[in-house]
Amino acid sequence: MTLRAGLDPIRARPFLEVCDTGPGVSPENTEKLFEPFFTTRSKGTGLGLYLARELCEANRAHLQYLSAPEGGSCFRITFAPASLATEMD
């Protein structure tokens, strides 16, 4: 697993990425990843990524899935700029 942080050069917003080298997410499942109760596991509730996205949005951040060209999965949280977060409080 790789953890990477930086500043998006286009939007000038800080981000945090968590990436792995596993099998990745199949194309037919990428559209459903953040839907409540969607799971591919027999014992999963399908609420993990849904709740993660909701928590991000409640804190003015954005969670997205990025497919890694070399394989694996990558999830990115993009945060609101500090000045925007302060202005909105």
Protein backbone atom coordinates (compact mmCIF):
# COMPACT_ATOMS: atom_id res chain seq x y z
CA MET A 1 0.00 0.00 0.00
CA THR A 2 1.19 3.50 -0.80
CA LEU A 3 0.16 6.72 0.90
CA ARG A 4 0.80 9.94 -1.00
CA ALA A 5 -0.08 13.56 -0.24
CA GLY A 6 0.33 16.63 -2.37
CA LEU A 7 -1.21 19.67 -3.95
CA ASP A 8 -3.32 19.29 -7.10
CA PRO A 9 -1.54 21.56 -9.61
CA ILE A 10 -4.74 22.38 -11.52
CA ARG A 11 -7.18 23.05 -8.68
CA ALA A 12 -4.59 24.10 -6.06
CA ARG A 13 -6.17 21.86 -3.46
CA PRO A 14 -4.40 19.46 -1.10
CA PHE A 15 -5.03 15.75 -1.57
CA LEU A 16 -4.32 12.43 0.09
CA GLU A 17 -4.15 9.18 -1.90
CA VAL A 18 -4.22 5.62 -0.62
CA CYS A 19 -3.24 3.14 -3.35
CA ASP A 20 -2.64 -0.59 -3.47
CA THR A 21 -1.37 -3.13 -5.99
CA GLY A 22 -4.24 -5.60 -5.70
CA PRO A 23 -6.58 -6.68 -8.49
CA GLY A 24 -8.36 -3.32 -8.63
CA VAL A 25 -12.06 -2.77 -9.18
CA SER A 26 -13.78 -4.19 -12.23
CA PRO A 27 -15.13 -1.57 -14.67
CA GLU A 28 -18.72 -2.68 -14.06
CA ASN A 29 -18.33 -2.05 -10.31
CA THR A 30 -16.66 1.37 -10.42
CA GLU A 31 -20.00 3.13 -10.95
CA LYS A 32 -21.46 1.45 -7.84
CA LEU A 33 -18.53 1.77 -5.41
CA PHE A 34 -20.02 4.57 -3.33
CA GLU A 35 -23.64 3.37 -3.35
CA PRO A 36 -24.98 2.30 0.04
CA PHE A 37 -25.19 -1.48 0.53
CA PHE A 38 -23.13 -2.30 -2.58
CA THR A 39 -20.63 -5.04 -1.83
CA THR A 40 -18.85 -7.84 -3.63
CA ARG A 41 -18.11 -9.71 -0.39
CA SER A 42 -20.37 -12.31 1.17
CA LYS A 43 -20.04 -10.80 4.66
CA GLY A 44 -19.76 -7.11 3.79
CA THR A 45 -22.40 -4.50 4.56
CA GLY A 46 -21.56 -2.26 1.64
CA LEU A 47 -21.47 0.82 3.86
CA GLY A 48 -17.71 1.48 4.19
CA LEU A 49 -17.03 3.54 1.07
CA TYR A 50 -20.49 5.13 1.21
CA LEU A 51 -19.85 6.38 4.77
CA ALA A 52 -16.30 7.45 3.90
CA ARG A 53 -17.63 9.60 1.04
CA GLU A 54 -20.39 11.07 3.19
CA LEU A 55 -17.89 11.97 5.92
CA CYS A 56 -15.61 13.61 3.38
CA GLU A 57 -18.43 15.67 1.92
CA ALA A 58 -19.63 16.70 5.38
CA ASN A 59 -16.12 18.11 5.90
CA ARG A 60 -15.89 19.88 2.52
CA ALA A 61 -13.71 17.20 0.94
CA HIS A 62 -14.24 14.92 -2.06
CA LEU A 63 -13.52 11.16 -2.19
CA GLN A 64 -13.00 9.50 -5.54
CA TYR A 65 -11.75 6.23 -6.97
CA LEU A 66 -8.92 6.36 -9.49
CA SER A 67 -8.05 3.25 -11.40
CA ALA A 68 -4.32 2.71 -11.41
CA PRO A 69 -2.93 2.02 -14.91
CA GLU A 70 -0.32 -0.36 -13.48
CA GLY A 71 -3.02 -2.29 -11.60
CA GLY A 72 -4.54 -1.90 -8.20
CA SER A 73 -6.81 0.76 -6.80
CA CYS A 74 -6.31 4.30 -5.66
CA PHE A 75 -8.67 6.38 -3.55
CA ARG A 76 -8.13 10.14 -3.38
CA ILE A 77 -9.47 12.62 -0.87
CA THR A 78 -9.29 16.17 -2.19
CA PHE A 79 -9.64 18.80 0.50
CA ALA A 80 -11.06 22.30 0.26
CA PRO A 81 -8.43 25.04 0.35
CA ALA A 82 -7.76 26.27 3.88
CA SER A 83 -8.94 29.77 3.02
CA LEU A 84 -12.25 28.43 1.64
CA ALA A 85 -12.83 26.24 4.70
CA THR A 86 -12.24 29.22 6.99
CA GLU A 87 -14.57 31.46 4.98
CA MET A 88 -17.37 28.92 5.05
CA ASP A 89 -17.38 28.54 8.88
